Protein backbone atom coordinates (compact mmCIF):
# COMPACT_ATOMS: atom_id res chain seq x y z
CA PRO A 1 -58.17 23.58 -34.32
CA GLY A 2 -58.89 26.83 -36.23
CA ILE A 3 -61.71 29.37 -35.47
CA ARG A 4 -62.39 31.83 -38.41
CA ASP A 5 -65.23 34.26 -38.25
CA SER A 6 -65.49 33.73 -42.16
CA PRO A 7 -63.79 31.65 -44.97
CA ASN A 8 -61.09 34.66 -45.54
CA ILE A 9 -60.65 36.18 -42.13
CA THR A 10 -58.44 34.15 -39.67
CA ILE A 11 -58.95 34.96 -35.98
CA SER A 12 -56.55 32.75 -34.53
CA HIS A 13 -52.78 32.82 -34.96
CA PRO A 14 -51.93 30.82 -38.54
CA GLY A 15 -48.77 29.80 -37.17
CA SER A 16 -50.32 28.32 -34.04
CA VAL A 17 -52.94 26.32 -36.10
CA LYS A 18 -50.63 25.20 -38.40
CA CYS A 19 -48.29 23.79 -35.75
CA ILE A 20 -51.29 22.29 -33.94
CA LYS A 21 -52.51 20.35 -37.07
CA SER A 22 -48.93 19.12 -37.80
CA ILE A 23 -49.04 17.81 -34.34
CA ILE A 24 -52.27 16.02 -34.49
CA LYS A 25 -51.52 14.66 -37.83
CA SER A 26 -48.42 13.37 -36.79
CA ARG A 27 -50.33 11.08 -34.36
CA GLY A 28 -52.38 9.91 -37.43
CA TRP A 29 -55.47 11.88 -36.23
CA LEU A 30 -57.90 14.15 -38.33
CA ALA A 31 -57.75 17.74 -38.02
CA VAL A 32 -60.39 19.98 -39.63
CA ASP A 33 -60.89 23.78 -39.47
CA LEU A 34 -64.25 24.98 -37.85
CA THR A 35 -65.74 28.36 -38.76
CA THR A 36 -68.24 30.27 -36.52
CA ALA A 37 -71.09 29.33 -38.91
CA ASP A 38 -70.18 25.63 -38.25
CA LEU A 39 -70.70 26.45 -34.50
CA GLU A 40 -73.68 28.45 -34.81
CA GLU A 41 -75.78 26.21 -36.99
CA VAL A 42 -78.55 25.15 -34.68
CA ASN A 43 -79.54 22.00 -36.93
CA GLN A 44 -77.29 19.50 -35.39
CA ASN A 45 -77.12 17.24 -38.43
CA LYS A 46 -75.38 20.29 -40.33
CA ASN A 47 -73.50 21.53 -37.23
CA LYS A 48 -69.73 19.92 -37.80
CA LEU A 49 -69.54 19.26 -34.13
CA TRP A 50 -72.21 16.40 -34.46
CA SER A 51 -71.88 15.92 -38.08
CA LEU A 52 -68.16 15.18 -38.02
CA ARG A 53 -68.25 13.70 -34.41
CA VAL A 54 -65.58 15.97 -33.16
CA ASP A 55 -63.95 14.49 -30.13
CA VAL A 56 -61.83 17.59 -28.96
CA LEU A 57 -62.15 21.28 -29.93
CA VAL A 58 -58.91 23.12 -29.74
CA LEU A 59 -58.88 26.94 -29.02
CA PRO A 60 -55.39 28.20 -30.39
CA GLY A 61 -53.32 31.02 -29.99
CA GLY A 62 -54.62 34.42 -31.84
CA GLU A 63 -55.98 37.73 -30.98
CA PRO A 64 -58.56 37.20 -27.87
CA ARG A 65 -60.66 40.05 -28.37
CA LYS A 66 -61.39 38.99 -32.04
CA MET A 67 -61.59 35.60 -31.00
CA ARG A 68 -64.08 36.46 -28.47
CA GLU A 69 -66.16 38.61 -31.05
CA ALA A 70 -66.04 35.40 -33.42
CA LEU A 71 -67.37 33.20 -30.64
CA THR A 72 -70.74 34.79 -30.41
CA GLN A 73 -73.36 33.90 -27.80
CA ASN A 74 -74.89 31.50 -30.10
CA CYS A 75 -71.69 29.58 -30.51
CA CYS A 76 -71.12 29.33 -27.01
CA ARG A 77 -74.60 27.91 -26.19
CA MET A 78 -73.97 25.41 -29.23
CA LEU A 79 -70.79 24.47 -27.55
CA SER A 80 -71.96 23.80 -24.24
CA LYS A 81 -74.94 21.96 -25.65
CA TRP A 82 -72.39 19.58 -27.73
CA ARG A 83 -70.31 18.82 -24.60
CA LEU A 84 -73.52 17.95 -22.52
CA GLN A 85 -75.16 16.01 -25.16
CA ARG A 86 -71.85 14.02 -25.92
CA LYS A 87 -72.28 12.72 -22.37
CA ALA A 88 -75.74 11.37 -23.02
CA ILE A 89 -74.55 9.98 -26.34
CA ASP A 90 -71.27 8.35 -24.75
CA ASP A 91 -73.39 7.13 -21.64
CA SER A 92 -74.92 4.81 -23.89
CA ALA A 93 -72.21 4.12 -26.31
CA ASN A 94 -69.92 3.23 -23.37
CA GLU A 95 -71.85 0.17 -22.88
CA SER A 96 -70.76 -1.05 -26.09
CA GLY A 97 -67.28 -0.15 -25.75
CA LYS A 98 -67.02 3.16 -27.40
CA ILE A 99 -65.04 6.05 -25.74
CA SER A 100 -66.23 8.99 -24.89
CA GLY A 101 -65.23 12.74 -26.40
CA GLY A 102 -66.28 16.33 -26.42
CA GLY A 103 -63.17 17.91 -24.70
CA LEU A 104 -61.81 21.30 -24.86
CA VAL A 105 -58.30 22.40 -25.09
CA CYS A 106 -57.02 26.14 -25.11
CA ILE A 107 -53.83 27.98 -25.70
CA CYS A 108 -53.09 31.30 -25.00
CA ALA A 109 -55.71 33.22 -26.39
CA GLY A 110 -57.93 30.49 -26.27
CA THR A 111 -57.32 30.42 -22.50
CA VAL A 112 -58.19 33.89 -22.20
CA VAL A 113 -61.68 33.66 -23.84
CA ALA A 114 -62.45 30.47 -21.95
CA CYS A 115 -61.64 31.82 -18.50
CA GLY A 116 -62.32 35.46 -19.02
CA LYS A 117 -65.53 37.14 -18.13
CA GLY A 118 -67.06 40.36 -19.54
CA MET A 119 -65.09 41.87 -22.33
CA ARG A 120 -62.19 39.63 -21.72
CA GLY A 121 -64.02 36.38 -22.77
CA ARG A 122 -66.73 34.15 -22.56
CA ASN A 123 -66.42 32.25 -19.33
CA LEU A 124 -66.43 28.70 -20.83
CA VAL A 125 -65.11 27.13 -17.74
CA ASP A 126 -65.74 27.50 -14.14
CA GLY A 127 -63.23 27.94 -11.36
CA VAL A 128 -60.45 29.12 -13.22
CA GLU A 129 -59.72 33.07 -13.52
CA LEU A 130 -57.29 35.45 -15.36
CA PHE A 131 -54.63 36.42 -12.81
CA ASP A 132 -54.81 40.37 -11.99
CA ASP A 133 -57.13 40.86 -15.13
CA ASN A 134 -54.58 39.58 -17.58
CA ARG A 135 -52.12 42.58 -17.34
CA PHE A 136 -49.38 40.54 -18.54
CA ALA A 137 -50.91 40.58 -22.12
CA SER A 138 -50.04 44.15 -22.43
CA ALA A 139 -46.35 44.00 -20.88
CA GLY A 140 -44.81 42.67 -24.31
CA LEU A 141 -43.00 39.86 -22.68
CA SER A 142 -41.79 36.96 -24.86
CA GLY A 143 -39.44 34.19 -24.79
CA MET A 144 -38.83 30.81 -23.42
CA VAL A 145 -39.97 30.07 -19.97
CA ARG A 146 -39.26 27.21 -17.51
CA LEU A 147 -42.08 25.41 -16.08
CA LYS A 148 -42.28 23.25 -12.65
CA CYS A 149 -44.30 20.08 -13.48
CA ASN A 150 -46.66 18.64 -11.15
CA PHE A 151 -46.32 14.76 -11.47
CA ASP A 152 -48.73 14.07 -8.41
CA THR A 153 -51.59 15.66 -10.18
CA SER A 154 -51.00 15.34 -13.90
CA PRO A 155 -51.63 11.99 -15.55
CA VAL A 156 -49.92 13.42 -18.76
CA MET A 157 -47.00 14.51 -17.09
CA ALA A 158 -46.43 11.28 -15.04
CA GLY A 159 -46.94 9.39 -18.51
CA ASP A 160 -44.15 7.95 -20.66
CA LEU A 161 -42.65 11.28 -21.67
CA ALA A 162 -39.20 12.75 -21.96
CA LEU A 163 -39.81 14.05 -18.19
CA SER A 164 -38.34 12.58 -14.86
CA LYS A 165 -39.24 13.17 -11.35
CA GLU A 166 -35.87 14.15 -10.45
CA LYS A 167 -35.76 16.67 -13.20
CA LYS A 168 -39.29 18.55 -12.87
CA LYS A 169 -38.20 21.30 -15.53
CA LEU A 170 -40.04 22.03 -18.94
CA ARG A 171 -39.61 25.21 -21.27
CA MET A 172 -42.20 26.61 -23.48
CA MET A 173 -42.54 29.46 -25.58
CA TYR A 174 -44.28 32.49 -23.82
CA CYS A 175 -45.52 35.62 -25.73
CA ASN A 176 -47.89 37.99 -23.86
CA ASP A 177 -49.54 34.85 -22.40
CA PRO A 178 -51.97 34.66 -19.52
CA LEU A 179 -51.34 33.52 -15.78
CA MET A 180 -54.23 31.54 -14.26
CA SER A 181 -56.08 31.50 -10.67
CA ILE A 182 -57.99 29.15 -9.14
CA ARG A 183 -61.05 30.32 -7.07
CA ASP A 184 -63.33 28.35 -4.87
CA PRO A 185 -66.88 29.48 -5.23
CA ASN A 186 -67.29 29.22 -1.38
CA GLY A 187 -63.96 31.29 -0.54
CA PRO A 188 -61.14 33.18 -1.52
CA LEU A 189 -58.59 33.22 -4.35
CA MET A 190 -56.65 30.16 -3.71
CA SER A 191 -52.83 30.55 -3.50
CA THR A 192 -51.24 28.82 -6.62
CA ARG A 193 -47.90 27.97 -4.74
CA ASP A 194 -49.67 26.02 -1.95
CA LEU A 195 -51.72 23.94 -4.59
CA VAL A 196 -48.53 23.17 -6.26
CA GLU A 197 -46.70 22.04 -3.22
CA LYS A 198 -49.57 20.34 -1.83
CA PRO A 199 -50.81 18.29 -4.79
CA GLU A 200 -54.59 18.11 -3.47
CA ASN A 201 -56.92 18.77 -6.29
CA VAL A 202 -59.59 21.55 -5.71
CA LYS A 203 -63.02 20.42 -5.72
CA THR A 204 -65.53 22.75 -6.29
CA ASP A 205 -69.16 22.12 -7.37
CA LYS A 206 -68.61 18.51 -8.66
CA THR A 207 -65.73 20.22 -10.50
CA GLU A 208 -62.09 18.80 -9.91
CA ILE A 209 -59.32 21.36 -10.76
CA SER A 210 -55.69 20.56 -10.88
CA ILE A 211 -52.43 22.41 -11.63
CA TRP A 212 -50.22 20.49 -14.06
CA ALA A 213 -47.37 22.79 -14.12
CA CYS A 214 -46.54 26.43 -12.79
CA TYR A 215 -44.04 28.99 -14.14
CA ARG A 216 -40.41 29.17 -12.63
CA THR A 217 -38.86 32.04 -14.87
CA ASP A 218 -39.63 35.63 -13.76
CA LEU A 219 -39.75 37.00 -17.48
CA ALA A 220 -40.51 40.63 -16.31
CA ALA A 221 -37.37 40.70 -13.98
CA LYS A 222 -35.04 39.16 -16.90
CA CYS A 223 -36.51 41.91 -19.20
CA GLU A 224 -35.75 44.63 -17.12
CA ALA A 225 -32.33 43.31 -16.25
CA ARG A 226 -31.71 43.45 -20.29
CA ARG A 227 -32.84 47.02 -20.23
CA ILE A 228 -30.52 47.95 -17.86
CA SER A 229 -27.64 46.37 -19.29
CA SER A 230 -28.38 47.76 -22.71
CA GLU A 231 -28.91 51.32 -21.17
CA ASP A 232 -25.44 50.98 -19.68
CA LYS A 233 -23.97 49.60 -22.69
CA SER A 234 -25.23 52.70 -24.73
CA LEU A 235 -23.88 55.26 -22.11
CA ASP A 236 -20.55 53.38 -22.29
CA ASN A 237 -20.39 53.74 -26.00
CA ILE A 238 -21.43 57.57 -25.73
CA ASN A 239 -18.52 57.87 -23.34
CA GLU A 240 -16.32 56.60 -25.74
CA GLN A 241 -17.33 59.38 -28.16
CA TYR A 242 -16.74 62.12 -25.75
CA GLN A 243 -13.38 61.09 -24.18
CA ASN A 244 -11.92 64.67 -24.71
CA LYS A 245 -15.18 66.30 -24.03
CA ASN A 246 -16.35 65.24 -20.67
CA ARG A 247 -18.19 68.49 -19.86
CA GLN A 248 -20.47 67.90 -23.02
CA PHE A 249 -20.98 63.99 -21.73
CA LYS A 250 -22.14 65.01 -18.38
CA LYS A 251 -24.64 67.44 -19.61
CA LEU A 252 -25.83 65.11 -22.09
CA ILE A 253 -26.25 61.96 -19.38
CA MET A 254 -27.84 64.60 -17.02
CA GLN A 255 -30.85 65.10 -19.50
CA GLU A 256 -34.05 62.90 -19.59
CA LYS A 257 -33.52 59.78 -21.69
CA TRP A 258 -35.50 56.69 -22.84
CA LEU A 259 -34.34 53.52 -24.23
CA CYS A 260 -36.38 51.95 -27.12
CA LEU A 261 -37.55 48.50 -26.30
CA SER A 262 -37.09 46.82 -29.75
CA CYS A 263 -33.66 48.04 -30.86
CA GLY A 264 -32.05 48.82 -27.71
CA LYS A 265 -31.35 52.64 -28.85
CA LEU A 266 -30.86 55.24 -26.11
CA HIS A 267 -32.54 58.59 -27.00
CA PHE A 268 -32.09 61.88 -24.91
CA LYS A 269 -34.49 64.89 -24.65
CA SER A 270 -32.14 67.20 -26.52
CA ASN A 271 -32.68 64.78 -29.94
CA LYS A 272 -36.43 65.38 -29.64
CA VAL A 273 -37.17 61.90 -30.66
CA LYS A 274 -40.91 60.77 -29.63
CA SER A 275 -40.89 57.39 -31.37
CA CYS A 276 -38.69 54.44 -32.48
CA CYS A 277 -39.36 51.28 -34.50
CA GLY A 278 -42.78 52.56 -35.05
CA VAL A 279 -43.68 52.72 -31.50
CA LYS A 280 -44.36 56.05 -29.41
CA LYS A 281 -42.07 56.98 -26.52
CA ARG A 282 -45.13 57.37 -24.44
CA GLU A 283 -46.01 53.90 -25.10
CA GLN A 284 -42.71 52.35 -24.66
CA GLU A 285 -42.33 54.25 -21.37
CA LYS A 286 -46.01 52.91 -20.11
CA GLU A 287 -44.95 49.23 -21.42
CA ARG A 288 -41.63 49.51 -19.25
CA LYS A 289 -43.47 50.71 -15.99
CA LEU A 290 -45.76 47.90 -16.41
CA VAL A 291 -42.69 45.31 -16.70
CA GLN A 292 -41.00 47.00 -13.57
CA GLU A 293 -44.61 46.33 -11.69
CA LEU A 294 -44.87 42.74 -12.65
CA ALA A 295 -41.23 41.80 -11.74
CA GLY A 296 -41.53 39.13 -9.21
CA VAL A 297 -45.26 37.97 -10.03
CA MET A 298 -44.81 35.23 -12.56
CA PRO A 299 -42.91 32.52 -10.57
CA GLY A 300 -45.19 30.06 -8.97
CA LYS A 301 -48.42 31.00 -11.01
CA ALA A 302 -50.20 28.50 -12.88
CA ALA A 303 -49.13 27.78 -16.55
CA ILE A 304 -51.36 24.47 -17.25
CA VAL A 305 -54.54 23.68 -15.65
CA ALA A 306 -56.82 20.83 -16.02
CA ILE A 307 -60.69 20.48 -15.34
CA GLU A 308 -62.71 17.64 -14.83
CA LYS A 309 -66.36 18.34 -14.33
CA GLU A 310 -68.87 15.26 -13.37
CA SER A 311 -71.60 16.89 -15.40
CA LEU A 312 -69.50 16.38 -18.65
CA SER A 313 -68.13 13.20 -20.05
CA CYS A 314 -65.10 15.31 -21.00
CA GLN A 315 -62.59 17.35 -19.81
CA THR A 316 -60.69 20.49 -20.20
CA VAL A 317 -56.98 21.75 -20.45
CA LEU A 318 -55.81 25.08 -20.38
CA PHE A 319 -52.25 26.25 -21.54
CA GLY A 320 -50.95 29.65 -20.80
CA PRO A 321 -47.71 29.31 -22.85
CA HIS A 322 -47.21 27.73 -26.38
CA PRO A 323 -46.55 23.98 -26.17
CA GLU A 324 -46.85 23.84 -30.16
CA PHE A 325 -43.89 26.65 -30.79
CA SER A 326 -41.69 24.64 -28.09
CA CYS A 327 -39.53 21.40 -27.81
CA ALA A 328 -40.92 17.86 -28.85
CA THR A 329 -41.51 17.39 -25.30
CA SER A 330 -44.11 20.02 -25.22
CA ALA A 331 -45.41 18.82 -28.28
CA ALA A 332 -45.94 15.44 -26.79
CA ILE A 333 -47.60 16.81 -23.72
CA LEU A 334 -50.16 18.77 -25.97
CA ALA A 335 -50.77 15.53 -27.88
CA GLU A 336 -51.30 13.70 -24.57
CA SER A 337 -53.60 16.31 -23.32
CA ILE A 338 -55.55 16.13 -26.34
CA LEU A 339 -56.16 12.68 -25.72
CA TRP A 340 -57.00 13.12 -21.93
CA ALA A 341 -59.40 15.71 -22.57
CA CYS A 342 -61.67 13.19 -24.52
CA TRP A 343 -61.07 10.34 -22.25
CA ARG A 344 -58.66 8.25 -24.54
């Protein structure tokens, strides 16, 4: 599941890779790290995708830009060739009862690289795009979010997991993760809410796209509410310090002020503090403004998307949040998604 551009430089998040490998090994499966050199190898006998008969390639969380740079055009070309040739191999193998493979599972940064175009990613999948050019990645939002599962379109969600149709709620870790949109090549951007409420899969160019879960939590609104609460609390503490000096307190609170988003400390213009917790005031104010703009946007947007393509013998699952950093149910969903991606 790990992608490295050299043996010593890790592009993916080491914690993400460690947790994913732990989940895979707990099922008794084999997990190996692949370098870009392994993916670029033109000789199929030396390319580990073929030599190890890899069933599923997992692109984990990490740094999207570095991961995009590591996955060169040659890597993507060999990856596409591997997925297409697996169909030819497995079509003949299926007659003898063997199971097909060649699936793709992406998490967080892996999803950005798979869906993004141009400088954002490598456009490895069709019909799914990053919502609002992935502005949420710059908002600094993190925390546990609730997801609304769609049992009608997801064979994994409807499986024998610790979920019930009466309680369509699931919690996963979110950390600057992408939101996804479904696009019909012959029409405009489709409404994610409509797709969830009307569980009819989207079929585009022999490709079937289904939303397995969407976001319920408005993380930006919760972050802004916490900021306002912290600012009010700081003002109350300052007011206690100026109990007998109301004129000085009124003069102080009339000044331009800003709140550090990391430690919650309130700074005033007279203090001439231009940075806090290693982050400049200008950057924090820019992040705060972005959070205010994104409030109310997250609920209803796609968090987990599955893609079935007729030209391939494999499938793709895209995770926005981190199932490997969440509860046991989320880990089970990740494991079942890996199986589903290779038709097992």
